[in-house]
Amino acid sequence: MTSATARTIANVVMVSAGAAAAYVVLTTPPLRRLALRASQAWLGASLPIFLANEVRKAWVESARAG
């Protein structure tokens, strides 16, 4: 088996496992609620930090240009 074939097989296995997990989460109401709360917490925590870092980088870059 070549490296490319092994990589393709691994990708197919990972995609099918992800699709199966997504199906289970979407069809089970408690898991769906948990997933929604987790995504809200992730977006609520990481998005403001990302934006603050980008604003800080822009501020530093604008000081260099002047």
C-alpha atoms as a PDB file:
ATOM      1  CA  MET A   1       0.000   0.000   0.000  1.00  0.00           C
ATOM      2  CA  THR A   2       1.402   3.377  -0.944  1.00  0.00           C
ATOM      3  CA  SER A   3       1.417   6.408   1.285  1.00  0.00           C
ATOM      4  CA  ALA A   4      -1.161   8.177  -0.876  1.00  0.00           C
ATOM      5  CA  THR A   5      -3.540   5.216  -0.699  1.00  0.00           C
ATOM      6  CA  ALA A   6      -3.162   4.953   3.064  1.00  0.00           C
ATOM      7  CA  ARG A   7      -3.845   8.665   3.422  1.00  0.00           C
ATOM      8  CA  THR A   8      -6.960   8.411   1.245  1.00  0.00           C
ATOM      9  CA  ILE A   9      -8.300   5.472   3.241  1.00  0.00           C
ATOM     10  CA  ALA A  10      -7.615   7.297   6.508  1.00  0.00           C
ATOM     11  CA  ASN A  11      -9.443  10.381   5.210  1.00  0.00           C
ATOM     12  CA  VAL A  12     -12.467   8.306   4.180  1.00  0.00           C
ATOM     13  CA  VAL A  13     -12.576   6.632   7.600  1.00  0.00           C
ATOM     14  CA  MET A  14     -12.340   9.991   9.401  1.00  0.00           C
ATOM     15  CA  VAL A  15     -15.065  11.579   7.264  1.00  0.00           C
ATOM     16  CA  SER A  16     -17.415   8.645   7.781  1.00  0.00           C
ATOM     17  CA  ALA A  17     -16.777   8.659  11.562  1.00  0.00           C
ATOM     18  CA  GLY A  18     -17.440  12.402  11.663  1.00  0.00           C
ATOM     19  CA  ALA A  19     -20.641  12.011   9.681  1.00  0.00           C
ATOM     20  CA  ALA A  20     -21.829   9.217  11.981  1.00  0.00           C
ATOM     21  CA  ALA A  21     -21.056  11.309  15.072  1.00  0.00           C
ATOM     22  CA  ALA A  22     -22.850  14.315  13.600  1.00  0.00           C
ATOM     23  CA  TYR A  23     -25.900  12.172  12.836  1.00  0.00           C
ATOM     24  CA  VAL A  24     -26.030  10.857  16.391  1.00  0.00           C
ATOM     25  CA  VAL A  25     -25.639  14.342  17.874  1.00  0.00           C
ATOM     26  CA  LEU A  26     -28.274  15.865  15.602  1.00  0.00           C
ATOM     27  CA  THR A  27     -30.834  13.122  16.200  1.00  0.00           C
ATOM     28  CA  THR A  28     -30.420  12.971  20.010  1.00  0.00           C
ATOM     29  CA  PRO A  29     -32.004  16.043  21.643  1.00  0.00           C
ATOM     30  CA  PRO A  30     -29.820  16.137  24.814  1.00  0.00           C
ATOM     31  CA  LEU A  31     -26.655  15.847  22.729  1.00  0.00           C
ATOM     32  CA  ARG A  32     -27.941  18.475  20.312  1.00  0.00           C
ATOM     33  CA  ARG A  33     -28.542  20.902  23.204  1.00  0.00           C
ATOM     34  CA  LEU A  34     -25.087  20.148  24.595  1.00  0.00           C
ATOM     35  CA  ALA A  35     -23.494  20.774  21.208  1.00  0.00           C
ATOM     36  CA  LEU A  36     -25.346  24.070  20.801  1.00  0.00           C
ATOM     37  CA  ARG A  37     -24.334  25.261  24.267  1.00  0.00           C
ATOM     38  CA  ALA A  38     -20.728  24.238  23.660  1.00  0.00           C
ATOM     39  CA  SER A  39     -20.615  26.091  20.337  1.00  0.00           C
ATOM     40  CA  GLN A  40     -22.144  29.191  21.931  1.00  0.00           C
ATOM     41  CA  ALA A  41     -19.562  29.088  24.725  1.00  0.00           C
ATOM     42  CA  TRP A  42     -16.746  28.603  22.233  1.00  0.00           C
ATOM     43  CA  LEU A  43     -17.890  31.486  20.045  1.00  0.00           C
ATOM     44  CA  GLY A  44     -18.568  33.629  23.087  1.00  0.00           C
ATOM     45  CA  ALA A  45     -15.042  33.108  24.391  1.00  0.00           C
ATOM     46  CA  SER A  46     -12.805  32.809  21.354  1.00  0.00           C
ATOM     47  CA  LEU A  47     -14.356  35.285  18.932  1.00  0.00           C
ATOM     48  CA  PRO A  48     -13.907  38.381  21.152  1.00  0.00           C
ATOM     49  CA  ILE A  49     -10.324  37.348  21.932  1.00  0.00           C
ATOM     50  CA  PHE A  50      -9.578  36.901  18.233  1.00  0.00           C
ATOM     51  CA  LEU A  51     -11.064  40.308  17.407  1.00  0.00           C
ATOM     52  CA  ALA A  52      -9.122  41.981  20.225  1.00  0.00           C
ATOM     53  CA  ASN A  53      -5.873  40.468  18.952  1.00  0.00           C
ATOM     54  CA  GLU A  54      -6.591  41.626  15.409  1.00  0.00           C
ATOM     55  CA  VAL A  55      -7.349  45.163  16.606  1.00  0.00           C
ATOM     56  CA  ARG A  56      -4.100  45.180  18.603  1.00  0.00           C
ATOM     57  CA  LYS A  57      -2.115  43.997  15.555  1.00  0.00           C
ATOM     58  CA  ALA A  58      -3.746  46.669  13.382  1.00  0.00           C
ATOM     59  CA  TRP A  59      -2.927  49.312  15.994  1.00  0.00           C
ATOM     60  CA  VAL A  60       0.743  48.269  16.071  1.00  0.00           C
ATOM     61  CA  GLU A  61       0.947  48.161  12.273  1.00  0.00           C
ATOM     62  CA  SER A  62      -0.623  51.607  11.938  1.00  0.00           C
ATOM     63  CA  ALA A  63       1.962  53.047  14.325  1.00  0.00           C
ATOM     64  CA  ARG A  64       4.781  51.650  12.153  1.00  0.00           C
ATOM     65  CA  ALA A  65       3.331  53.159   8.980  1.00  0.00           C
ATOM     66  CA  GLY A  66       3.191  56.666  10.441  1.00  0.00           C
END
